[in-house]
């Protein structure tokens, strides 16, 4: 059986809007896939360890990661290092740069966990950054042009050799994701067939 792993974004959780929509669609369609979306630790290395531990429980071709924002960064890293396939949504590409202004006290929007976001977090992100993708064919990019936090053109350039779907308008949270969630699931199945 195939496994879809959803990796949520910065200060998000397994209760995120997109994760819940995807889980609902899988249940409604009776799809022959397992779905897993953990609450990821705020430390990057720990988050990747949680995800990689689950990935390694299945044959690599049976796993598809779906990563949103910071989760897209993790999914890209894991695809490059473990060989799994990933669908990345409005991904953070350089969080070691993009999250510099967030250094200081943080509170998770869903779990209400309070923690200190530090330069060590940024260093861990930087250590995971891949300047040039070696396996772009394992990635499918979905990006909204209305993303107010991340420039879709930067993502198109970085993932230039990957298949992609660029959605006009919307926002960073992909507020109209409901209109596109079936595309995610169908692409998971395409990945499974071509694996």
C-alpha atoms as a PDB file:
ATOM      1  CA  UNK A   1       0.000   0.000   0.000  1.00  0.00           C
ATOM      2  CA  UNK A   2       1.188   3.499  -0.851  1.00  0.00           C
ATOM      3  CA  UNK A   3       1.988   6.014   1.876  1.00  0.00           C
ATOM      4  CA  UNK A   4       1.404   9.763   1.647  1.00  0.00           C
ATOM      5  CA  UNK A   5       3.301  11.781   4.240  1.00  0.00           C
ATOM      6  CA  UNK A   6       2.250  15.395   4.725  1.00  0.00           C
ATOM      7  CA  UNK A   7       4.901  17.786   6.051  1.00  0.00           C
ATOM      8  CA  UNK A   8       3.371  21.000   7.384  1.00  0.00           C
ATOM      9  CA  UNK A   9       4.917  24.461   7.425  1.00  0.00           C
ATOM     10  CA  UNK A  10       6.541  26.762   9.965  1.00  0.00           C
ATOM     11  CA  UNK A  11       4.519  27.056  13.190  1.00  0.00           C
ATOM     12  CA  UNK A  12       1.809  24.853  11.712  1.00  0.00           C
ATOM     13  CA  UNK A  13       0.684  21.324  12.621  1.00  0.00           C
ATOM     14  CA  UNK A  14      -1.146  18.187  11.535  1.00  0.00           C
ATOM     15  CA  UNK A  15      -4.361  20.232  11.886  1.00  0.00           C
ATOM     16  CA  UNK A  16      -3.433  22.510   8.978  1.00  0.00           C
ATOM     17  CA  UNK A  17      -6.061  23.313   6.374  1.00  0.00           C
ATOM     18  CA  UNK A  18      -4.340  21.531   3.488  1.00  0.00           C
ATOM     19  CA  UNK A  19      -3.508  18.424   5.525  1.00  0.00           C
ATOM     20  CA  UNK A  20      -7.133  18.071   6.642  1.00  0.00           C
ATOM     21  CA  UNK A  21      -8.439  18.522   3.087  1.00  0.00           C
ATOM     22  CA  UNK A  22      -6.073  15.888   1.718  1.00  0.00           C
ATOM     23  CA  UNK A  23      -6.931  13.416   4.486  1.00  0.00           C
ATOM     24  CA  UNK A  24     -10.655  13.994   3.854  1.00  0.00           C
ATOM     25  CA  UNK A  25     -10.325  13.391   0.120  1.00  0.00           C
ATOM     26  CA  UNK A  26      -8.368  10.180   0.652  1.00  0.00           C
ATOM     27  CA  UNK A  27     -11.060   8.928   3.024  1.00  0.00           C
ATOM     28  CA  UNK A  28     -13.948   9.917   0.736  1.00  0.00           C
ATOM     29  CA  UNK A  29     -12.408   8.276  -2.316  1.00  0.00           C
ATOM     30  CA  UNK A  30     -11.457   5.128  -0.464  1.00  0.00           C
ATOM     31  CA  UNK A  31      -8.024   5.452  -2.013  1.00  0.00           C
ATOM     32  CA  UNK A  32      -5.608   2.591  -1.530  1.00  0.00           C
ATOM     33  CA  UNK A  33      -3.144   4.735   0.372  1.00  0.00           C
ATOM     34  CA  UNK A  34      -2.155   5.361   3.960  1.00  0.00           C
ATOM     35  CA  UNK A  35      -1.966   8.983   5.104  1.00  0.00           C
ATOM     36  CA  UNK A  36       0.328  10.233   7.856  1.00  0.00           C
ATOM     37  CA  UNK A  37       0.783  13.800   9.050  1.00  0.00           C
ATOM     38  CA  UNK A  38       2.790  14.214  12.263  1.00  0.00           C
ATOM     39  CA  UNK A  39       3.253  17.331  14.347  1.00  0.00           C
ATOM     40  CA  UNK A  40       6.849  18.098  13.437  1.00  0.00           C
ATOM     41  CA  UNK A  41       9.393  19.335  16.019  1.00  0.00           C
ATOM     42  CA  UNK A  42      10.510  22.925  15.557  1.00  0.00           C
ATOM     43  CA  UNK A  43      14.160  21.810  15.316  1.00  0.00           C
ATOM     44  CA  UNK A  44      14.922  21.082  11.629  1.00  0.00           C
ATOM     45  CA  UNK A  45      17.158  18.069  12.257  1.00  0.00           C
ATOM     46  CA  UNK A  46      14.546  16.499  14.523  1.00  0.00           C
ATOM     47  CA  UNK A  47      11.772  17.166  11.994  1.00  0.00           C
ATOM     48  CA  UNK A  48      13.749  15.462   9.238  1.00  0.00           C
ATOM     49  CA  UNK A  49      14.511  12.513  11.515  1.00  0.00           C
ATOM     50  CA  UNK A  50      10.791  12.050  12.229  1.00  0.00           C
ATOM     51  CA  UNK A  51       9.955  12.107   8.525  1.00  0.00           C
ATOM     52  CA  UNK A  52      12.865   9.950   7.390  1.00  0.00           C
ATOM     53  CA  UNK A  53      12.105   7.379  10.084  1.00  0.00           C
ATOM     54  CA  UNK A  54       8.606   6.910   8.674  1.00  0.00           C
ATOM     55  CA  UNK A  55       9.806   6.920   5.057  1.00  0.00           C
ATOM     56  CA  UNK A  56      12.199   4.070   5.810  1.00  0.00           C
ATOM     57  CA  UNK A  57       9.336   1.838   6.997  1.00  0.00           C
ATOM     58  CA  UNK A  58       8.199   1.370   3.374  1.00  0.00           C
ATOM     59  CA  UNK A  59       9.818   0.630   0.018  1.00  0.00           C
ATOM     60  CA  UNK A  60      10.962   4.021  -1.269  1.00  0.00           C
ATOM     61  CA  UNK A  61       8.747   3.836  -4.381  1.00  0.00           C
ATOM     62  CA  UNK A  62       5.658   3.407  -2.189  1.00  0.00           C
ATOM     63  CA  UNK A  63       6.168   6.768  -0.450  1.00  0.00           C
ATOM     64  CA  UNK A  64       5.150  10.228  -1.648  1.00  0.00           C
ATOM     65  CA  UNK A  65       5.810  13.301   0.464  1.00  0.00           C
ATOM     66  CA  UNK A  66       3.518  16.316   0.267  1.00  0.00           C
ATOM     67  CA  UNK A  67       5.258  19.326   1.772  1.00  0.00           C
ATOM     68  CA  UNK A  68       3.877  22.828   2.215  1.00  0.00           C
ATOM     69  CA  UNK A  69       6.056  25.915   2.758  1.00  0.00           C
ATOM     70  CA  UNK A  70       8.781  24.806   5.214  1.00  0.00           C
ATOM     71  CA  UNK A  71       7.459  21.274   4.749  1.00  0.00           C
ATOM     72  CA  UNK A  72       8.294  21.703   1.060  1.00  0.00           C
ATOM     73  CA  UNK A  73      11.890  22.433   2.046  1.00  0.00           C
ATOM     74  CA  UNK A  74      11.997  19.232   4.113  1.00  0.00           C
ATOM     75  CA  UNK A  75      10.359  17.243   1.299  1.00  0.00           C
ATOM     76  CA  UNK A  76      12.903  18.533  -1.214  1.00  0.00           C
ATOM     77  CA  UNK A  77      15.784  17.637   1.110  1.00  0.00           C
ATOM     78  CA  UNK A  78      14.429  14.136   1.713  1.00  0.00           C
ATOM     79  CA  UNK A  79      13.760  13.490  -1.975  1.00  0.00           C
ATOM     80  CA  UNK A  80      17.352  14.433  -2.741  1.00  0.00           C
ATOM     81  CA  UNK A  81      18.804  12.257   0.028  1.00  0.00           C
ATOM     82  CA  UNK A  82      16.460   9.262   0.221  1.00  0.00           C
ATOM     83  CA  UNK A  83      15.073   9.109  -3.306  1.00  0.00           C
ATOM     84  CA  UNK A  84      11.385   9.424  -2.464  1.00  0.00           C
ATOM     85  CA  UNK A  85       9.046  11.473  -4.634  1.00  0.00           C
ATOM     86  CA  UNK A  86       7.529  14.731  -3.425  1.00  0.00           C
ATOM     87  CA  UNK A  87       4.790  17.205  -4.200  1.00  0.00           C
ATOM     88  CA  UNK A  88       5.843  20.592  -2.924  1.00  0.00           C
ATOM     89  CA  UNK A  89       3.373  23.421  -2.325  1.00  0.00           C
ATOM     90  CA  UNK A  90       4.522  27.053  -2.047  1.00  0.00           C
ATOM     91  CA  UNK A  91       7.883  25.755  -0.777  1.00  0.00           C
ATOM     92  CA  UNK A  92      10.426  27.594   1.296  1.00  0.00           C
ATOM     93  CA  UNK A  93      13.686  27.238  -0.626  1.00  0.00           C
ATOM     94  CA  UNK A  94      16.156  29.107   1.586  1.00  0.00           C
ATOM     95  CA  UNK A  95      14.639  29.196   5.101  1.00  0.00           C
ATOM     96  CA  UNK A  96      18.078  29.955   6.549  1.00  0.00           C
ATOM     97  CA  UNK A  97      17.649  33.341   4.866  1.00  0.00           C
ATOM     98  CA  UNK A  98      13.874  33.758   4.775  1.00  0.00           C
ATOM     99  CA  UNK A  99      13.322  33.107   8.473  1.00  0.00           C
ATOM    100  CA  UNK A 100      16.097  35.342   9.839  1.00  0.00           C
ATOM    101  CA  UNK A 101      13.564  37.924  11.003  1.00  0.00           C
ATOM    102  CA  UNK A 102      11.736  35.270  13.030  1.00  0.00           C
ATOM    103  CA  UNK A 103      14.648  34.703  15.421  1.00  0.00           C
ATOM    104  CA  UNK A 104      13.266  35.127  18.929  1.00  0.00           C
ATOM    105  CA  UNK A 105      10.235  33.841  20.858  1.00  0.00           C
ATOM    106  CA  UNK A 106       7.723  31.861  18.768  1.00  0.00           C
ATOM    107  CA  UNK A 107       4.333  30.280  19.345  1.00  0.00           C
ATOM    108  CA  UNK A 108       2.896  27.510  17.192  1.00  0.00           C
ATOM    109  CA  UNK A 109      -0.381  28.696  15.662  1.00  0.00           C
ATOM    110  CA  UNK A 110      -2.116  25.361  16.234  1.00  0.00           C
ATOM    111  CA  UNK A 111      -0.493  23.594  19.186  1.00  0.00           C
ATOM    112  CA  UNK A 112       0.285  26.841  21.084  1.00  0.00           C
ATOM    113  CA  UNK A 113       3.741  25.467  21.902  1.00  0.00           C
ATOM    114  CA  UNK A 114       6.085  28.308  22.847  1.00  0.00           C
ATOM    115  CA  UNK A 115       9.782  28.084  22.014  1.00  0.00           C
ATOM    116  CA  UNK A 116      12.841  30.150  21.121  1.00  0.00           C
ATOM    117  CA  UNK A 117      13.728  30.270  17.427  1.00  0.00           C
ATOM    118  CA  UNK A 118      17.499  30.696  17.259  1.00  0.00           C
ATOM    119  CA  UNK A 119      20.469  31.060  14.942  1.00  0.00           C
ATOM    120  CA  UNK A 120      21.037  27.330  15.479  1.00  0.00           C
ATOM    121  CA  UNK A 121      17.741  26.657  13.703  1.00  0.00           C
ATOM    122  CA  UNK A 122      19.018  28.710  10.758  1.00  0.00           C
ATOM    123  CA  UNK A 123      22.311  26.813  10.749  1.00  0.00           C
ATOM    124  CA  UNK A 124      20.456  23.510  10.580  1.00  0.00           C
ATOM    125  CA  UNK A 125      18.393  24.784   7.648  1.00  0.00           C
ATOM    126  CA  UNK A 126      21.516  25.940   5.843  1.00  0.00           C
ATOM    127  CA  UNK A 127      23.145  22.528   6.297  1.00  0.00           C
ATOM    128  CA  UNK A 128      20.130  20.939   4.544  1.00  0.00           C
ATOM    129  CA  UNK A 129      19.986  23.405   1.654  1.00  0.00           C
ATOM    130  CA  UNK A 130      20.672  21.974  -1.801  1.00  0.00           C
ATOM    131  CA  UNK A 131      21.970  24.697  -4.170  1.00  0.00           C
ATOM    132  CA  UNK A 132      21.201  22.627  -7.267  1.00  0.00           C
ATOM    133  CA  UNK A 133      18.775  19.728  -7.449  1.00  0.00           C
ATOM    134  CA  UNK A 134      20.207  16.396  -8.531  1.00  0.00           C
ATOM    135  CA  UNK A 135      16.860  14.594  -8.939  1.00  0.00           C
ATOM    136  CA  UNK A 136      14.333  17.223 -10.087  1.00  0.00           C
ATOM    137  CA  UNK A 137      12.233  14.550 -11.786  1.00  0.00           C
ATOM    138  CA  UNK A 138      11.199  13.306  -8.338  1.00  0.00           C
ATOM    139  CA  UNK A 139       9.542  16.640  -7.530  1.00  0.00           C
ATOM    140  CA  UNK A 140       6.246  18.223  -8.575  1.00  0.00           C
ATOM    141  CA  UNK A 141       5.880  21.934  -7.786  1.00  0.00           C
ATOM    142  CA  UNK A 142       2.580  23.650  -7.030  1.00  0.00           C
ATOM    143  CA  UNK A 143       2.825  27.389  -6.430  1.00  0.00           C
ATOM    144  CA  UNK A 144       0.368  30.254  -6.229  1.00  0.00           C
ATOM    145  CA  UNK A 145       1.299  33.536  -7.912  1.00  0.00           C
ATOM    146  CA  UNK A 146      -0.442  35.450  -5.119  1.00  0.00           C
ATOM    147  CA  UNK A 147       1.822  34.044  -2.391  1.00  0.00           C
ATOM    148  CA  UNK A 148       2.596  37.067  -0.215  1.00  0.00           C
ATOM    149  CA  UNK A 149       5.585  35.421   1.503  1.00  0.00           C
ATOM    150  CA  UNK A 150       7.395  33.453  -1.198  1.00  0.00           C
ATOM    151  CA  UNK A 151       7.981  34.541  -4.805  1.00  0.00           C
ATOM    152  CA  UNK A 152       6.679  31.895  -7.197  1.00  0.00           C
ATOM    153  CA  UNK A 153       9.214  32.958  -9.847  1.00  0.00           C
ATOM    154  CA  UNK A 154      12.087  32.020  -7.537  1.00  0.00           C
ATOM    155  CA  UNK A 155      10.553  28.574  -7.111  1.00  0.00           C
ATOM    156  CA  UNK A 156      10.022  28.134 -10.856  1.00  0.00           C
ATOM    157  CA  UNK A 157      13.711  28.876 -11.409  1.00  0.00           C
ATOM    158  CA  UNK A 158      14.915  26.592  -8.612  1.00  0.00           C
ATOM    159  CA  UNK A 159      12.650  23.711  -9.692  1.00  0.00           C
ATOM    160  CA  UNK A 160      13.080  24.496 -13.393  1.00  0.00           C
ATOM    161  CA  UNK A 161      13.584  20.844 -14.350  1.00  0.00           C
ATOM    162  CA  UNK A 162      10.618  19.591 -12.315  1.00  0.00           C
ATOM    163  CA  UNK A 163       7.015  19.282 -13.447  1.00  0.00           C
ATOM    164  CA  UNK A 164       4.876  22.071 -12.055  1.00  0.00           C
ATOM    165  CA  UNK A 165       1.469  23.677 -11.763  1.00  0.00           C
ATOM    166  CA  UNK A 166       1.367  27.437 -11.255  1.00  0.00           C
ATOM    167  CA  UNK A 167      -1.946  28.681  -9.858  1.00  0.00           C
ATOM    168  CA  UNK A 168      -2.898  32.269 -10.655  1.00  0.00           C
ATOM    169  CA  UNK A 169      -3.711  34.372  -7.586  1.00  0.00           C
ATOM    170  CA  UNK A 170      -4.557  32.826  -4.206  1.00  0.00           C
ATOM    171  CA  UNK A 171      -2.085  33.277  -1.303  1.00  0.00           C
ATOM    172  CA  UNK A 172       0.656  31.599   0.742  1.00  0.00           C
ATOM    173  CA  UNK A 173      -1.850  29.481   2.652  1.00  0.00           C
ATOM    174  CA  UNK A 174      -3.390  28.381  -0.687  1.00  0.00           C
ATOM    175  CA  UNK A 175      -6.882  29.346   0.516  1.00  0.00           C
ATOM    176  CA  UNK A 176      -8.512  27.773  -2.559  1.00  0.00           C
ATOM    177  CA  UNK A 177      -6.599  24.497  -2.147  1.00  0.00           C
ATOM    178  CA  UNK A 178      -9.940  22.685  -2.106  1.00  0.00           C
ATOM    179  CA  UNK A 179     -10.138  23.311  -5.859  1.00  0.00           C
ATOM    180  CA  UNK A 180      -6.770  21.631  -6.413  1.00  0.00           C
ATOM    181  CA  UNK A 181      -6.531  18.887  -3.793  1.00  0.00           C
ATOM    182  CA  UNK A 182      -7.739  16.254  -6.281  1.00  0.00           C
ATOM    183  CA  UNK A 183      -4.770  17.183  -8.512  1.00  0.00           C
ATOM    184  CA  UNK A 184      -2.437  16.384  -5.615  1.00  0.00           C
ATOM    185  CA  UNK A 185      -3.978  12.970  -5.107  1.00  0.00           C
ATOM    186  CA  UNK A 186      -4.015  12.162  -8.834  1.00  0.00           C
ATOM    187  CA  UNK A 187      -0.347  13.142  -9.051  1.00  0.00           C
ATOM    188  CA  UNK A 188       0.417  10.838  -6.119  1.00  0.00           C
ATOM    189  CA  UNK A 189      -1.099   8.029  -8.163  1.00  0.00           C
ATOM    190  CA  UNK A 190       0.882   9.064 -11.259  1.00  0.00           C
ATOM    191  CA  UNK A 191       4.062   8.966  -9.167  1.00  0.00           C
ATOM    192  CA  UNK A 192       3.122   5.496  -7.958  1.00  0.00           C
ATOM    193  CA  UNK A 193       2.529   4.196 -11.481  1.00  0.00           C
ATOM    194  CA  UNK A 194       5.770   5.660 -12.861  1.00  0.00           C
ATOM    195  CA  UNK A 195       7.920   4.614  -9.897  1.00  0.00           C
END
